[in-house]
Amino acid sequence: MLAKLIGPRYVQLAKTWLPTLSAWGAVGGVTLVYATDWRVILDYVPYINGKFKKDE
């Protein structure tokens, strides 16, 4: 269905670029976690969330 909408040439280009775009997306996500307060973001990860409990 996607090929009918945008054409087979662009579907092939998208398939070619998908690994590169996913790698850059992962790098961007890691950079976002590094540049911001990492505990704010990692508090949503279930396994890591239990490791940094505050004793209040």
PDB file of N, CA and C in Angstrom:
ATOM      1  N   MET A   1       0.819  -1.195   0.000  1.00  0.00           N
ATOM      2  CA  MET A   1       0.000   0.000   0.000  1.00  0.00           C
ATOM      3  C   MET A   1       0.865   1.262   0.000  1.00  0.00           C
ATOM      4  N   LEU A   2       1.947   1.204   0.757  1.00  0.00           N
ATOM      5  CA  LEU A   2       2.849   2.355   0.812  1.00  0.00           C
ATOM      6  C   LEU A   2       3.498   2.603  -0.542  1.00  0.00           C
ATOM      7  N   ALA A   3       3.789   1.536  -1.272  1.00  0.00           N
ATOM      8  CA  ALA A   3       4.413   1.675  -2.587  1.00  0.00           C
ATOM      9  C   ALA A   3       3.478   2.377  -3.570  1.00  0.00           C
ATOM     10  N   LYS A   4       2.189   2.127  -3.434  1.00  0.00           N
ATOM     11  CA  LYS A   4       1.229   2.797  -4.314  1.00  0.00           C
ATOM     12  C   LYS A   4       1.118   4.278  -3.986  1.00  0.00           C
ATOM     13  N   LEU A   5       1.281   4.622  -2.732  1.00  0.00           N
ATOM     14  CA  LEU A   5       1.134   6.004  -2.297  1.00  0.00           C
ATOM     15  C   LEU A   5       2.333   6.869  -2.679  1.00  0.00           C
ATOM     16  N   ILE A   6       3.541   6.398  -2.421  1.00  0.00           N
ATOM     17  CA  ILE A   6       4.716   7.235  -2.681  1.00  0.00           C
ATOM     18  C   ILE A   6       5.586   6.729  -3.820  1.00  0.00           C
ATOM     19  N   GLY A   7       5.361   5.536  -4.287  1.00  0.00           N
ATOM     20  CA  GLY A   7       6.133   5.019  -5.406  1.00  0.00           C
ATOM     21  C   GLY A   7       7.187   4.032  -4.972  1.00  0.00           C
ATOM     22  N   PRO A   8       7.514   3.076  -5.844  1.00  0.00           N
ATOM     23  CA  PRO A   8       8.467   2.017  -5.472  1.00  0.00           C
ATOM     24  C   PRO A   8       9.894   2.513  -5.295  1.00  0.00           C
ATOM     25  N   ARG A   9      10.252   3.570  -5.986  1.00  0.00           N
ATOM     26  CA  ARG A   9      11.625   4.086  -5.848  1.00  0.00           C
ATOM     27  C   ARG A   9      11.861   4.616  -4.436  1.00  0.00           C
ATOM     28  N   TYR A  10      10.880   5.326  -3.900  1.00  0.00           N
ATOM     29  CA  TYR A  10      11.040   5.895  -2.572  1.00  0.00           C
ATOM     30  C   TYR A  10      10.922   4.838  -1.475  1.00  0.00           C
ATOM     31  N   VAL A  11      10.180   3.788  -1.736  1.00  0.00           N
ATOM     32  CA  VAL A  11      10.135   2.672  -0.786  1.00  0.00           C
ATOM     33  C   VAL A  11      11.505   2.007  -0.716  1.00  0.00           C
ATOM     34  N   GLN A  12      12.144   1.826  -1.859  1.00  0.00           N
ATOM     35  CA  GLN A  12      13.482   1.233  -1.876  1.00  0.00           C
ATOM     36  C   GLN A  12      14.489   2.143  -1.175  1.00  0.00           C
ATOM     37  N   LEU A  13      14.406   3.436  -1.388  1.00  0.00           N
ATOM     38  CA  LEU A  13      15.294   4.367  -0.692  1.00  0.00           C
ATOM     39  C   LEU A  13      15.074   4.320   0.819  1.00  0.00           C
ATOM     40  N   ALA A  14      13.824   4.230   1.236  1.00  0.00           N
ATOM     41  CA  ALA A  14      13.523   4.165   2.665  1.00  0.00           C
ATOM     42  C   ALA A  14      14.085   2.880   3.281  1.00  0.00           C
ATOM     43  N   LYS A  15      13.987   1.763   2.560  1.00  0.00           N
ATOM     44  CA  LYS A  15      14.539   0.510   3.057  1.00  0.00           C
ATOM     45  C   LYS A  15      16.059   0.586   3.162  1.00  0.00           C
ATOM     46  N   THR A  16      16.674   1.295   2.236  1.00  0.00           N
ATOM     47  CA  THR A  16      18.129   1.433   2.261  1.00  0.00           C
ATOM     48  C   THR A  16      18.590   2.292   3.432  1.00  0.00           C
ATOM     49  N   TRP A  17      17.866   3.359   3.728  1.00  0.00           N
ATOM     50  CA  TRP A  17      18.263   4.295   4.764  1.00  0.00           C
ATOM     51  C   TRP A  17      17.795   3.908   6.166  1.00  0.00           C
ATOM     52  N   LEU A  18      16.923   2.919   6.306  1.00  0.00           N
ATOM     53  CA  LEU A  18      16.369   2.558   7.601  1.00  0.00           C
ATOM     54  C   LEU A  18      17.432   2.181   8.645  1.00  0.00           C
ATOM     55  N   PRO A  19      18.432   1.356   8.342  1.00  0.00           N
ATOM     56  CA  PRO A  19      19.452   1.055   9.361  1.00  0.00           C
ATOM     57  C   PRO A  19      20.250   2.287   9.790  1.00  0.00           C
ATOM     58  N   THR A  20      20.571   3.149   8.851  1.00  0.00           N
ATOM     59  CA  THR A  20      21.321   4.350   9.176  1.00  0.00           C
ATOM     60  C   THR A  20      20.497   5.284  10.059  1.00  0.00           C
ATOM     61  N   LEU A  21      19.238   5.465   9.705  1.00  0.00           N
ATOM     62  CA  LEU A  21      18.376   6.344  10.497  1.00  0.00           C
ATOM     63  C   LEU A  21      18.124   5.788  11.894  1.00  0.00           C
ATOM     64  N   SER A  22      18.001   4.488  12.010  1.00  0.00           N
ATOM     65  CA  SER A  22      17.803   3.910  13.336  1.00  0.00           C
ATOM     66  C   SER A  22      19.066   4.043  14.196  1.00  0.00           C
ATOM     67  N   ALA A  23      20.223   3.914  13.585  1.00  0.00           N
ATOM     68  CA  ALA A  23      21.475   4.093  14.341  1.00  0.00           C
ATOM     69  C   ALA A  23      21.610   5.532  14.813  1.00  0.00           C
ATOM     70  N   TRP A  24      21.318   6.492  13.948  1.00  0.00           N
ATOM     71  CA  TRP A  24      21.391   7.897  14.359  1.00  0.00           C
ATOM     72  C   TRP A  24      20.329   8.229  15.404  1.00  0.00           C
ATOM     73  N   GLY A  25      19.185   7.576  15.319  1.00  0.00           N
ATOM     74  CA  GLY A  25      18.162   7.765  16.340  1.00  0.00           C
ATOM     75  C   GLY A  25      18.618   7.262  17.701  1.00  0.00           C
ATOM     76  N   ALA A  26      19.304   6.121  17.709  1.00  0.00           N
ATOM     77  CA  ALA A  26      19.840   5.590  18.961  1.00  0.00           C
ATOM     78  C   ALA A  26      20.916   6.508  19.530  1.00  0.00           C
ATOM     79  N   VAL A  27      21.778   7.014  18.666  1.00  0.00           N
ATOM     80  CA  VAL A  27      22.811   7.952  19.109  1.00  0.00           C
ATOM     81  C   VAL A  27      22.166   9.222  19.666  1.00  0.00           C
ATOM     82  N   GLY A  28      21.136   9.705  19.003  1.00  0.00           N
ATOM     83  CA  GLY A  28      20.429  10.886  19.498  1.00  0.00           C
ATOM     84  C   GLY A  28      19.761  10.637  20.837  1.00  0.00           C
ATOM     85  N   GLY A  29      19.197   9.445  21.021  1.00  0.00           N
ATOM     86  CA  GLY A  29      18.580   9.121  22.310  1.00  0.00           C
ATOM     87  C   GLY A  29      19.591   9.058  23.438  1.00  0.00           C
ATOM     88  N   VAL A  30      20.728   8.431  23.175  1.00  0.00           N
ATOM     89  CA  VAL A  30      21.786   8.375  24.195  1.00  0.00           C
ATOM     90  C   VAL A  30      22.312   9.767  24.495  1.00  0.00           C
ATOM     91  N   THR A  31      22.445  10.603  23.481  1.00  0.00           N
ATOM     92  CA  THR A  31      22.898  11.978  23.688  1.00  0.00           C
ATOM     93  C   THR A  31      21.890  12.766  24.512  1.00  0.00           C
ATOM     94  N   LEU A  32      20.608  12.547  24.269  1.00  0.00           N
ATOM     95  CA  LEU A  32      19.577  13.222  25.049  1.00  0.00           C
ATOM     96  C   LEU A  32      19.653  12.830  26.516  1.00  0.00           C
ATOM     97  N   VAL A  33      19.835  11.533  26.783  1.00  0.00           N
ATOM     98  CA  VAL A  33      19.959  11.077  28.167  1.00  0.00           C
ATOM     99  C   VAL A  33      21.221  11.657  28.801  1.00  0.00           C
ATOM    100  N   TYR A  34      22.305  11.726  28.064  1.00  0.00           N
ATOM    101  CA  TYR A  34      23.561  12.262  28.591  1.00  0.00           C
ATOM    102  C   TYR A  34      23.467  13.760  28.866  1.00  0.00           C
ATOM    103  N   ALA A  35      22.809  14.497  27.972  1.00  0.00           N
ATOM    104  CA  ALA A  35      22.760  15.953  28.087  1.00  0.00           C
ATOM    105  C   ALA A  35      21.757  16.417  29.141  1.00  0.00           C
ATOM    106  N   THR A  36      20.750  15.617  29.429  1.00  0.00           N
ATOM    107  CA  THR A  36      19.759  16.004  30.429  1.00  0.00           C
ATOM    108  C   THR A  36      20.069  15.295  31.733  1.00  0.00           C
ATOM    109  N   ASP A  37      19.210  15.503  32.702  1.00  0.00           N
ATOM    110  CA  ASP A  37      19.364  14.818  33.976  1.00  0.00           C
ATOM    111  C   ASP A  37      19.009  13.356  33.766  1.00  0.00           C
ATOM    112  N   TRP A  38      19.987  12.485  33.743  1.00  0.00           N
ATOM    113  CA  TRP A  38      19.783  11.095  33.363  1.00  0.00           C
ATOM    114  C   TRP A  38      18.853  10.361  34.304  1.00  0.00           C
ATOM    115  N   ARG A  39      18.791  10.766  35.565  1.00  0.00           N
ATOM    116  CA  ARG A  39      17.895  10.067  36.501  1.00  0.00           C
ATOM    117  C   ARG A  39      16.440  10.342  36.195  1.00  0.00           C
ATOM    118  N   VAL A  40      16.126  11.509  35.685  1.00  0.00           N
ATOM    119  CA  VAL A  40      14.745  11.816  35.329  1.00  0.00           C
ATOM    120  C   VAL A  40      14.260  10.871  34.240  1.00  0.00           C
ATOM    121  N   ILE A  41      15.098  10.609  33.250  1.00  0.00           N
ATOM    122  CA  ILE A  41      14.710   9.736  32.142  1.00  0.00           C
ATOM    123  C   ILE A  41      14.776   8.267  32.554  1.00  0.00           C
ATOM    124  N   LEU A  42      15.824   7.874  33.263  1.00  0.00           N
ATOM    125  CA  LEU A  42      15.992   6.467  33.614  1.00  0.00           C
ATOM    126  C   LEU A  42      15.066   6.024  34.740  1.00  0.00           C
ATOM    127  N   ASP A  43      14.373   6.919  35.398  1.00  0.00           N
ATOM    128  CA  ASP A  43      13.378   6.523  36.394  1.00  0.00           C
ATOM    129  C   ASP A  43      12.208   5.803  35.751  1.00  0.00           C
ATOM    130  N   TYR A  44      12.021   5.949  34.443  1.00  0.00           N
ATOM    131  CA  TYR A  44      10.940   5.268  33.743  1.00  0.00           C
ATOM    132  C   TYR A  44      11.326   3.875  33.265  1.00  0.00           C
ATOM    133  N   VAL A  45      12.600   3.513  33.365  1.00  0.00           N
ATOM    134  CA  VAL A  45      13.046   2.175  32.979  1.00  0.00           C
ATOM    135  C   VAL A  45      12.866   1.261  34.194  1.00  0.00           C
ATOM    136  N   PRO A  46      12.049   0.223  34.093  1.00  0.00           N
ATOM    137  CA  PRO A  46      11.682  -0.561  35.280  1.00  0.00           C
ATOM    138  C   PRO A  46      12.866  -1.170  36.032  1.00  0.00           C
ATOM    139  N   TYR A  47      13.805  -1.801  35.365  1.00  0.00           N
ATOM    140  CA  TYR A  47      14.904  -2.477  36.060  1.00  0.00           C
ATOM    141  C   TYR A  47      15.843  -1.483  36.738  1.00  0.00           C
ATOM    142  N   ILE A  48      16.134  -0.390  36.065  1.00  0.00           N
ATOM    143  CA  ILE A  48      17.065   0.600  36.598  1.00  0.00           C
ATOM    144  C   ILE A  48      16.403   1.436  37.686  1.00  0.00           C
ATOM    145  N   ASN A  49      15.093   1.612  37.606  1.00  0.00           N
ATOM    146  CA  ASN A  49      14.375   2.431  38.572  1.00  0.00           C
ATOM    147  C   ASN A  49      14.571   1.932  39.994  1.00  0.00           C
ATOM    148  N   GLY A  50      14.628   0.618  40.222  1.00  0.00           N
ATOM    149  CA  GLY A  50      14.780   0.063  41.555  1.00  0.00           C
ATOM    150  C   GLY A  50      16.157   0.258  42.142  1.00  0.00           C
ATOM    151  N   LYS A  51      17.150   0.494  41.342  1.00  0.00           N
ATOM    152  CA  LYS A  51      18.517   0.629  41.828  1.00  0.00           C
ATOM    153  C   LYS A  51      18.786   1.970  42.495  1.00  0.00           C
ATOM    154  N   PHE A  52      18.013   2.999  42.169  1.00  0.00           N
ATOM    155  CA  PHE A  52      18.305   4.345  42.644  1.00  0.00           C
ATOM    156  C   PHE A  52      17.185   4.874  43.546  1.00  0.00           C
ATOM    157  N   LYS A  53      16.681   4.033  44.418  1.00  0.00           N
ATOM    158  CA  LYS A  53      15.626   4.483  45.332  1.00  0.00           C
ATOM    159  C   LYS A  53      16.233   5.418  46.375  1.00  0.00           C
ATOM    160  N   LYS A  54      15.495   6.487  46.672  1.00  0.00           N
ATOM    161  CA  LYS A  54      15.939   7.436  47.705  1.00  0.00           C
ATOM    162  C   LYS A  54      15.412   6.983  49.053  1.00  0.00           C
ATOM    163  N   ASP A  55      16.228   7.095  50.070  1.00  0.00           N
ATOM    164  CA  ASP A  55      15.804   6.761  51.427  1.00  0.00           C
ATOM    165  C   ASP A  55      15.217   7.999  52.068  1.00  0.00           C
ATOM    166  N   GLU A  56      13.899   8.128  51.962  1.00  0.00           N
ATOM    167  CA  GLU A  56      13.243   9.311  52.536  1.00  0.00           C
ATOM    168  C   GLU A  56      12.365   8.894  53.687  1.00  0.00           C
TER     169      GLU A  56
END
